Structures are given as structure tokens and as C-alpha cells.
Amino acid sequence: MRGKTFYRCTVCNDIHYGNIAPKICPTCSSKDAYVHIAEREAGVTLKFLKIEEGKNFNENEVLKTFEDFTKSKDFTLNTDKERIELIVQGVLEHEEQYGLKYCPCRMTSGNFDEDLSLICPCNFKIQNNWKEIGECWCSLFIKRKE
């Protein structure tokens, strides 16, 4: 258990502060859609902080967040470690450049509210890539083998 921390729904960007993430999002009713985020990201998402304010995650924290996010889900991290490292670097580069951990394989529009849907991990299960081949856009998350 982490103690009280911030969580973000990957579907609607609802922010929750507590010891554990809700199983069901009270805003959009999505199940198991919350991911741990830094206080800074919560503040930026809620527009309490400017994009350039606060401390960013490091590579190990992002990787741990992704690993935790896949627990008890029907998807897992790609087994290609080099690909994972490249994606994590891309996420961190986007955070440095744009202020949030946008997916490295998606282009931001410059419209803050629209771009919130591109924060990694995003709502990748609605994408055709997931439905057709069982991977998110960048292949970070893949369907778990049964």
C-alpha cells in the first residue's frame, strides 16, 4: 500500500485521492481504469498547476506505474524490454516537452482539454488497434494470453 496518493481514470481523467483507487470510476463507471499519478500531474490535469510547475516522474516510476496498472487486468506489458524502455523514454520526453505524460505514438493537438485523452496510459481499449490485434497504439500494452 502506498498511503494516500493520486489516481487518474484512464477513460475520463477523473482524479481520485486516497489509499487505493476506486474499482469503478464514479464519473464514467469504467471498471479498474485508475492508474497512479504524481501530485503534479493531478494538479495539472485539474488545472490547479501550470504545465511547467512541479516534479516529473523518472523512468523507474513510470515503469512501476505501468506494471501496477496491468495487475489483475486482461492485458499486460509487452515482453520486448527494449520496446518498453523506448516507450517510457518517449513518455518522459513528452512530459518534459508538453508538461504531461502523453503517449509517444500520438500527436498532441495543442488543445489542453482534447489532449488529456492522450495521457499514457490512455483509453486504448476503444481503439481499432486493440480490437483488431490486441495491442495499444505503441504496443506497450498487449492482451494477456489465456
N, C-alpha and C. Protein backbone atom coordinates (compact mmCIF):
# COMPACT_ATOMS: atom_id res chain seq x y z
N MET A 1 0.84 -1.18 0.00
CA MET A 1 0.00 0.00 0.00
C MET A 1 0.89 1.24 0.00
N ARG A 2 0.54 2.23 -0.79
CA ARG A 2 1.33 3.44 -0.94
C ARG A 2 1.03 4.49 0.12
N GLY A 3 -0.07 4.43 0.82
CA GLY A 3 -0.55 5.56 1.59
C GLY A 3 -1.37 6.42 0.65
N LYS A 4 -1.85 7.53 1.13
CA LYS A 4 -2.69 8.37 0.27
C LYS A 4 -1.87 8.92 -0.89
N THR A 5 -2.45 8.81 -2.06
CA THR A 5 -1.79 9.28 -3.28
C THR A 5 -2.87 9.61 -4.30
N PHE A 6 -2.45 10.04 -5.48
CA PHE A 6 -3.39 10.42 -6.53
C PHE A 6 -3.51 9.31 -7.57
N TYR A 7 -4.71 9.16 -8.11
CA TYR A 7 -5.01 8.22 -9.17
C TYR A 7 -5.81 8.94 -10.24
N ARG A 8 -5.63 8.53 -11.50
CA ARG A 8 -6.36 9.11 -12.64
C ARG A 8 -7.07 8.02 -13.40
N CYS A 9 -8.33 8.23 -13.73
CA CYS A 9 -9.07 7.29 -14.57
C CYS A 9 -8.55 7.44 -16.00
N THR A 10 -8.15 6.36 -16.61
CA THR A 10 -7.60 6.40 -17.96
C THR A 10 -8.67 6.60 -19.03
N VAL A 11 -9.93 6.54 -18.63
CA VAL A 11 -11.02 6.73 -19.58
C VAL A 11 -11.49 8.18 -19.59
N CYS A 12 -11.76 8.75 -18.40
CA CYS A 12 -12.35 10.09 -18.35
C CYS A 12 -11.48 11.13 -17.64
N ASN A 13 -10.32 10.71 -17.11
CA ASN A 13 -9.38 11.58 -16.40
C ASN A 13 -9.89 12.06 -15.05
N ASP A 14 -10.88 11.38 -14.46
CA ASP A 14 -11.30 11.68 -13.11
C ASP A 14 -10.09 11.50 -12.18
N ILE A 15 -9.92 12.40 -11.24
CA ILE A 15 -8.81 12.32 -10.29
C ILE A 15 -9.36 11.88 -8.94
N HIS A 16 -8.69 10.90 -8.34
CA HIS A 16 -9.06 10.40 -7.02
C HIS A 16 -7.85 10.50 -6.11
N TYR A 17 -8.07 10.92 -4.86
CA TYR A 17 -7.01 10.97 -3.86
C TYR A 17 -7.40 10.05 -2.74
N GLY A 18 -6.56 9.05 -2.46
CA GLY A 18 -6.88 8.11 -1.40
C GLY A 18 -5.83 7.04 -1.27
N ASN A 19 -6.10 6.08 -0.39
CA ASN A 19 -5.17 4.97 -0.16
C ASN A 19 -5.18 3.96 -1.29
N ILE A 20 -6.33 3.79 -1.93
CA ILE A 20 -6.46 2.89 -3.07
C ILE A 20 -7.35 3.55 -4.12
N ALA A 21 -7.20 3.12 -5.33
CA ALA A 21 -8.04 3.65 -6.42
C ALA A 21 -9.41 2.99 -6.37
N PRO A 22 -10.45 3.70 -6.75
CA PRO A 22 -11.78 3.08 -6.82
C PRO A 22 -11.79 1.94 -7.84
N LYS A 23 -12.55 0.91 -7.57
CA LYS A 23 -12.71 -0.18 -8.53
C LYS A 23 -13.54 0.28 -9.73
N ILE A 24 -14.52 1.14 -9.46
CA ILE A 24 -15.38 1.68 -10.52
C ILE A 24 -15.31 3.19 -10.46
N CYS A 25 -15.06 3.81 -11.60
CA CYS A 25 -14.96 5.27 -11.66
C CYS A 25 -16.34 5.88 -11.38
N PRO A 26 -16.42 6.79 -10.41
CA PRO A 26 -17.71 7.41 -10.11
C PRO A 26 -18.19 8.37 -11.21
N THR A 27 -17.29 8.76 -12.10
CA THR A 27 -17.65 9.70 -13.16
C THR A 27 -18.13 8.99 -14.42
N CYS A 28 -17.40 7.96 -14.86
CA CYS A 28 -17.76 7.31 -16.13
C CYS A 28 -18.15 5.84 -15.98
N SER A 29 -18.08 5.30 -14.78
CA SER A 29 -18.46 3.92 -14.46
C SER A 29 -17.54 2.86 -15.05
N SER A 30 -16.34 3.25 -15.50
CA SER A 30 -15.38 2.27 -16.00
C SER A 30 -14.80 1.47 -14.84
N LYS A 31 -14.58 0.18 -15.09
CA LYS A 31 -14.02 -0.70 -14.06
C LYS A 31 -12.50 -0.76 -14.19
N ASP A 32 -11.83 -0.74 -13.04
CA ASP A 32 -10.37 -0.91 -12.97
C ASP A 32 -9.61 -0.03 -13.94
N ALA A 33 -9.99 1.23 -14.04
CA ALA A 33 -9.38 2.13 -15.03
C ALA A 33 -8.42 3.13 -14.43
N TYR A 34 -8.18 3.07 -13.13
CA TYR A 34 -7.32 4.06 -12.48
C TYR A 34 -5.85 3.67 -12.51
N VAL A 35 -5.00 4.68 -12.67
CA VAL A 35 -3.56 4.50 -12.65
C VAL A 35 -2.98 5.51 -11.67
N HIS A 36 -1.93 5.11 -10.95
CA HIS A 36 -1.26 6.00 -10.01
C HIS A 36 -0.61 7.15 -10.77
N ILE A 37 -0.73 8.36 -10.26
CA ILE A 37 -0.10 9.52 -10.88
C ILE A 37 0.58 10.37 -9.81
N ALA A 38 1.49 11.21 -10.23
CA ALA A 38 2.16 12.13 -9.32
C ALA A 38 1.21 13.27 -8.95
N GLU A 39 1.45 13.86 -7.80
CA GLU A 39 0.65 15.00 -7.35
C GLU A 39 0.66 16.11 -8.40
N ARG A 40 1.82 16.32 -9.02
CA ARG A 40 1.98 17.35 -10.04
C ARG A 40 1.04 17.10 -11.22
N GLU A 41 0.97 15.84 -11.68
CA GLU A 41 0.09 15.51 -12.81
C GLU A 41 -1.37 15.73 -12.44
N ALA A 42 -1.74 15.38 -11.20
CA ALA A 42 -3.11 15.64 -10.76
C ALA A 42 -3.40 17.13 -10.78
N GLY A 43 -2.46 17.92 -10.28
CA GLY A 43 -2.64 19.37 -10.25
C GLY A 43 -2.76 19.98 -11.64
N VAL A 44 -1.95 19.49 -12.57
CA VAL A 44 -2.00 20.00 -13.95
C VAL A 44 -3.31 19.57 -14.61
N THR A 45 -3.69 18.31 -14.44
CA THR A 45 -4.93 17.80 -15.04
C THR A 45 -6.14 18.57 -14.54
N LEU A 46 -6.13 18.90 -13.25
CA LEU A 46 -7.24 19.65 -12.65
C LEU A 46 -7.11 21.16 -12.83
N LYS A 47 -6.01 21.57 -13.48
CA LYS A 47 -5.73 22.97 -13.78
C LYS A 47 -5.46 23.81 -12.53
N PHE A 48 -4.95 23.15 -11.46
CA PHE A 48 -4.51 23.88 -10.27
C PHE A 48 -3.06 24.32 -10.43
N LEU A 49 -2.32 23.60 -11.25
CA LEU A 49 -0.92 23.92 -11.52
C LEU A 49 -0.76 24.23 -13.00
N LYS A 50 0.21 25.05 -13.30
CA LYS A 50 0.57 25.29 -14.69
C LYS A 50 1.38 24.09 -15.17
N ILE A 51 1.36 23.84 -16.45
CA ILE A 51 2.04 22.68 -17.03
C ILE A 51 3.51 22.63 -16.64
N GLU A 52 4.17 23.77 -16.56
CA GLU A 52 5.61 23.78 -16.30
C GLU A 52 5.96 23.65 -14.82
N GLU A 53 4.99 23.60 -13.93
CA GLU A 53 5.26 23.52 -12.50
C GLU A 53 5.42 22.08 -12.03
N GLY A 54 6.25 21.88 -11.02
CA GLY A 54 6.31 20.61 -10.32
C GLY A 54 7.36 19.64 -10.83
N LYS A 55 7.49 18.52 -10.12
CA LYS A 55 8.47 17.47 -10.41
C LYS A 55 7.86 16.43 -11.33
N ASN A 56 8.65 15.92 -12.23
CA ASN A 56 8.22 14.87 -13.14
C ASN A 56 8.58 13.49 -12.59
N PHE A 57 7.95 12.47 -13.14
CA PHE A 57 8.32 11.08 -12.84
C PHE A 57 9.69 10.78 -13.44
N ASN A 58 10.34 9.72 -12.95
CA ASN A 58 11.55 9.22 -13.61
C ASN A 58 11.21 7.89 -14.27
N GLU A 59 12.16 7.32 -15.00
CA GLU A 59 11.91 6.08 -15.77
C GLU A 59 11.40 4.95 -14.90
N ASN A 60 12.02 4.73 -13.75
CA ASN A 60 11.61 3.63 -12.88
C ASN A 60 10.19 3.83 -12.35
N GLU A 61 9.83 5.07 -12.01
CA GLU A 61 8.48 5.34 -11.52
C GLU A 61 7.43 5.10 -12.60
N VAL A 62 7.73 5.51 -13.83
CA VAL A 62 6.78 5.30 -14.93
C VAL A 62 6.61 3.80 -15.19
N LEU A 63 7.72 3.08 -15.24
CA LEU A 63 7.65 1.63 -15.48
C LEU A 63 6.87 0.94 -14.36
N LYS A 64 7.11 1.30 -13.11
CA LYS A 64 6.39 0.72 -11.98
C LYS A 64 4.89 1.03 -12.09
N THR A 65 4.56 2.25 -12.48
CA THR A 65 3.16 2.63 -12.66
C THR A 65 2.50 1.76 -13.72
N PHE A 66 3.19 1.55 -14.84
CA PHE A 66 2.65 0.70 -15.91
C PHE A 66 2.50 -0.75 -15.44
N GLU A 67 3.49 -1.26 -14.73
CA GLU A 67 3.41 -2.63 -14.21
C GLU A 67 2.24 -2.78 -13.26
N ASP A 68 2.09 -1.83 -12.33
CA ASP A 68 0.98 -1.88 -11.38
C ASP A 68 -0.37 -1.79 -12.09
N PHE A 69 -0.43 -0.99 -13.14
CA PHE A 69 -1.67 -0.79 -13.90
C PHE A 69 -2.15 -2.09 -14.54
N THR A 70 -1.23 -2.97 -14.90
CA THR A 70 -1.62 -4.20 -15.59
C THR A 70 -2.04 -5.33 -14.65
N LYS A 71 -1.79 -5.18 -13.36
CA LYS A 71 -2.13 -6.25 -12.42
C LYS A 71 -3.63 -6.52 -12.44
N SER A 72 -3.97 -7.79 -12.49
CA SER A 72 -5.37 -8.24 -12.47
C SER A 72 -6.20 -7.70 -13.63
N LYS A 73 -5.57 -7.42 -14.75
CA LYS A 73 -6.27 -6.92 -15.93
C LYS A 73 -6.18 -7.96 -17.04
N ASP A 74 -6.91 -7.76 -18.11
CA ASP A 74 -6.87 -8.68 -19.24
C ASP A 74 -5.76 -8.30 -20.22
N PHE A 75 -4.84 -7.43 -19.80
CA PHE A 75 -3.70 -7.03 -20.61
C PHE A 75 -2.46 -6.97 -19.73
N THR A 76 -1.32 -6.96 -20.38
CA THR A 76 -0.04 -6.93 -19.68
C THR A 76 0.93 -6.05 -20.47
N LEU A 77 2.11 -5.83 -19.92
CA LEU A 77 3.13 -5.10 -20.66
C LEU A 77 3.72 -6.00 -21.74
N ASN A 78 4.09 -5.40 -22.83
CA ASN A 78 4.79 -6.10 -23.89
C ASN A 78 6.04 -6.75 -23.29
N THR A 79 6.41 -7.91 -23.76
CA THR A 79 7.59 -8.60 -23.22
C THR A 79 8.90 -8.10 -23.83
N ASP A 80 8.82 -7.28 -24.86
CA ASP A 80 10.01 -6.72 -25.51
C ASP A 80 10.54 -5.56 -24.65
N LYS A 81 11.56 -5.84 -23.84
CA LYS A 81 12.10 -4.87 -22.88
C LYS A 81 12.65 -3.62 -23.57
N GLU A 82 13.30 -3.78 -24.72
CA GLU A 82 13.82 -2.62 -25.44
C GLU A 82 12.69 -1.71 -25.90
N ARG A 83 11.61 -2.30 -26.36
CA ARG A 83 10.44 -1.51 -26.78
C ARG A 83 9.86 -0.75 -25.59
N ILE A 84 9.74 -1.42 -24.45
CA ILE A 84 9.22 -0.79 -23.24
C ILE A 84 10.09 0.40 -22.85
N GLU A 85 11.40 0.21 -22.85
CA GLU A 85 12.32 1.30 -22.49
C GLU A 85 12.16 2.48 -23.44
N LEU A 86 12.03 2.21 -24.72
CA LEU A 86 11.85 3.26 -25.72
C LEU A 86 10.54 4.03 -25.49
N ILE A 87 9.48 3.31 -25.19
CA ILE A 87 8.19 3.94 -24.94
C ILE A 87 8.25 4.80 -23.68
N VAL A 88 8.83 4.27 -22.62
CA VAL A 88 8.96 5.04 -21.37
C VAL A 88 9.76 6.31 -21.62
N GLN A 89 10.85 6.21 -22.38
CA GLN A 89 11.63 7.41 -22.71
C GLN A 89 10.77 8.41 -23.49
N GLY A 90 9.98 7.92 -24.42
CA GLY A 90 9.10 8.79 -25.20
C GLY A 90 8.05 9.48 -24.33
N VAL A 91 7.49 8.74 -23.37
CA VAL A 91 6.51 9.31 -22.44
C VAL A 91 7.17 10.43 -21.63
N LEU A 92 8.38 10.18 -21.14
CA LEU A 92 9.08 11.19 -20.34
C LEU A 92 9.50 12.39 -21.19
N GLU A 93 9.87 12.16 -22.44
CA GLU A 93 10.20 13.28 -23.33
C GLU A 93 8.97 14.14 -23.57
N HIS A 94 7.82 13.50 -23.74
CA HIS A 94 6.58 14.27 -23.92
C HIS A 94 6.25 15.05 -22.66
N GLU A 95 6.49 14.44 -21.50
CA GLU A 95 6.22 15.16 -20.25
C GLU A 95 7.13 16.39 -20.15
N GLU A 96 8.39 16.22 -20.50
CA GLU A 96 9.32 17.35 -20.46
C GLU A 96 8.93 18.44 -21.48
N GLN A 97 8.53 18.01 -22.67
CA GLN A 97 8.22 18.95 -23.75
C GLN A 97 6.84 19.59 -23.59
N TYR A 98 5.83 18.79 -23.19
CA TYR A 98 4.45 19.27 -23.17
C TYR A 98 3.84 19.39 -21.77
N GLY A 99 4.54 18.87 -20.76
CA GLY A 99 4.05 19.01 -19.39
C GLY A 99 3.26 17.85 -18.84
N LEU A 100 2.83 16.91 -19.66
CA LEU A 100 2.13 15.71 -19.21
C LEU A 100 2.67 14.49 -19.95
N LYS A 101 2.41 13.31 -19.41
CA LYS A 101 2.95 12.07 -19.97
C LYS A 101 2.10 11.58 -21.14
N TYR A 102 2.13 12.34 -22.23
CA TYR A 102 1.36 11.93 -23.41
C TYR A 102 1.99 10.71 -24.06
N CYS A 103 1.14 9.88 -24.66
CA CYS A 103 1.63 8.70 -25.39
C CYS A 103 2.63 9.15 -26.45
N PRO A 104 3.75 8.45 -26.58
CA PRO A 104 4.76 8.85 -27.56
C PRO A 104 4.35 8.58 -29.00
N CYS A 105 3.31 7.78 -29.20
CA CYS A 105 2.90 7.42 -30.56
C CYS A 105 1.72 8.26 -31.06
N ARG A 106 1.28 9.21 -30.26
CA ARG A 106 0.12 10.03 -30.63
C ARG A 106 0.54 11.49 -30.69
N MET A 107 -0.04 12.24 -31.58
CA MET A 107 0.28 13.66 -31.75
C MET A 107 -0.67 14.51 -30.92
N THR A 108 -0.11 15.42 -30.14
CA THR A 108 -0.96 16.34 -29.39
C THR A 108 -1.47 17.42 -30.34
N SER A 109 -2.64 17.96 -30.00
CA SER A 109 -3.25 18.98 -30.85
C SER A 109 -2.91 20.40 -30.39
N GLY A 110 -2.47 20.52 -29.15
CA GLY A 110 -2.25 21.84 -28.58
C GLY A 110 -3.44 22.33 -27.79
N ASN A 111 -4.58 21.61 -27.89
CA ASN A 111 -5.77 21.93 -27.11
C ASN A 111 -5.71 21.07 -25.84
N PHE A 112 -5.51 21.73 -24.70
CA PHE A 112 -5.30 21.02 -23.44
C PHE A 112 -6.39 20.00 -23.17
N ASP A 113 -7.65 20.40 -23.25
CA ASP A 113 -8.76 19.51 -22.92
C ASP A 113 -8.83 18.30 -23.85
N GLU A 114 -8.59 18.50 -25.15
CA GLU A 114 -8.59 17.38 -26.10
C GLU A 114 -7.39 16.46 -25.83
N ASP A 115 -6.25 17.05 -25.53
CA ASP A 115 -5.03 16.27 -25.35
C ASP A 115 -5.03 15.44 -24.07
N LEU A 116 -5.91 15.74 -23.12
CA LEU A 116 -5.99 14.92 -21.91
C LEU A 116 -6.26 13.46 -22.24
N SER A 117 -6.93 13.20 -23.35
CA SER A 117 -7.23 11.81 -23.73
C SER A 117 -5.99 11.07 -24.24
N LEU A 118 -4.88 11.78 -24.41
CA LEU A 118 -3.65 11.17 -24.92
C LEU A 118 -2.64 10.88 -23.82
N ILE A 119 -2.99 11.14 -22.55
CA ILE A 119 -2.06 10.87 -21.46
C ILE A 119 -1.90 9.36 -21.33
N CYS A 120 -0.68 8.91 -21.26
CA CYS A 120 -0.38 7.48 -21.17
C CYS A 120 -0.44 7.02 -19.71
N PRO A 121 -1.10 5.94 -19.39
CA PRO A 121 -1.89 5.13 -20.31
C PRO A 121 -3.21 5.80 -20.66
N CYS A 122 -3.56 5.70 -21.92
CA CYS A 122 -4.78 6.29 -22.42
C CYS A 122 -5.89 5.23 -22.44
N ASN A 123 -7.04 5.60 -22.94
CA ASN A 123 -8.16 4.67 -23.06
C ASN A 123 -7.99 3.84 -24.34
N PHE A 124 -6.96 3.02 -24.36
CA PHE A 124 -6.57 2.32 -25.59
C PHE A 124 -7.55 1.24 -26.03
N LYS A 125 -8.40 0.76 -25.13
CA LYS A 125 -9.31 -0.32 -25.49
C LYS A 125 -10.41 0.10 -26.47
N ILE A 126 -10.61 1.39 -26.65
CA ILE A 126 -11.62 1.84 -27.61
C ILE A 126 -11.05 1.94 -29.03
N GLN A 127 -9.74 1.82 -29.17
CA GLN A 127 -9.08 1.98 -30.46
C GLN A 127 -9.19 0.71 -31.31
N ASN A 128 -9.23 0.88 -32.62
CA ASN A 128 -9.28 -0.26 -33.54
C ASN A 128 -8.07 -1.17 -33.38
N ASN A 129 -6.92 -0.59 -33.11
CA ASN A 129 -5.70 -1.38 -32.93
C ASN A 129 -5.90 -2.45 -31.84
N TRP A 130 -6.56 -2.08 -30.75
CA TRP A 130 -6.81 -3.03 -29.66
C TRP A 130 -7.80 -4.09 -30.12
N LYS A 131 -8.85 -3.67 -30.77
CA LYS A 131 -9.90 -4.60 -31.20
C LYS A 131 -9.40 -5.58 -32.26
N GLU A 132 -8.53 -5.10 -33.16
CA GLU A 132 -8.09 -5.93 -34.28
C GLU A 132 -6.87 -6.80 -33.95
N ILE A 133 -5.88 -6.25 -33.23
CA ILE A 133 -4.66 -7.05 -32.98
C ILE A 133 -4.31 -7.20 -31.50
N GLY A 134 -5.11 -6.60 -30.62
CA GLY A 134 -4.90 -6.80 -29.19
C GLY A 134 -3.73 -6.04 -28.60
N GLU A 135 -3.43 -4.87 -29.17
CA GLU A 135 -2.35 -4.02 -28.66
C GLU A 135 -2.81 -2.58 -28.63
N CYS A 136 -2.22 -1.80 -27.71
CA CYS A 136 -2.47 -0.36 -27.76
C CYS A 136 -1.66 0.20 -28.94
N TRP A 137 -1.79 1.50 -29.19
CA TRP A 137 -1.13 2.11 -30.36
C TRP A 137 0.35 1.80 -30.45
N CYS A 138 1.04 1.89 -29.34
CA CYS A 138 2.51 1.74 -29.39
C CYS A 138 2.96 0.35 -28.96
N SER A 139 2.03 -0.54 -28.72
CA SER A 139 2.33 -1.92 -28.29
C SER A 139 2.90 -1.99 -26.88
N LEU A 140 2.68 -0.97 -26.07
CA LEU A 140 3.11 -1.01 -24.67
C LEU A 140 2.28 -2.06 -23.93
N PHE A 141 0.96 -2.02 -24.15
CA PHE A 141 0.05 -2.97 -23.53
C PHE A 141 -0.46 -3.94 -24.59
N ILE A 142 -0.45 -5.23 -24.23
CA ILE A 142 -0.93 -6.27 -25.13
C ILE A 142 -1.92 -7.16 -24.37
N LYS A 143 -2.82 -7.79 -25.12
CA LYS A 143 -3.77 -8.69 -24.47
C LYS A 143 -3.01 -9.80 -23.79
N ARG A 144 -3.48 -10.13 -22.60
CA ARG A 144 -2.88 -11.20 -21.82
C ARG A 144 -3.24 -12.54 -22.46
N LYS A 145 -2.27 -13.40 -22.60
CA LYS A 145 -2.52 -14.74 -23.15
C LYS A 145 -3.27 -15.55 -22.11
N GLU A 146 -4.26 -16.29 -22.56
CA GLU A 146 -5.09 -17.09 -21.63
C GLU A 146 -4.47 -18.42 -21.34
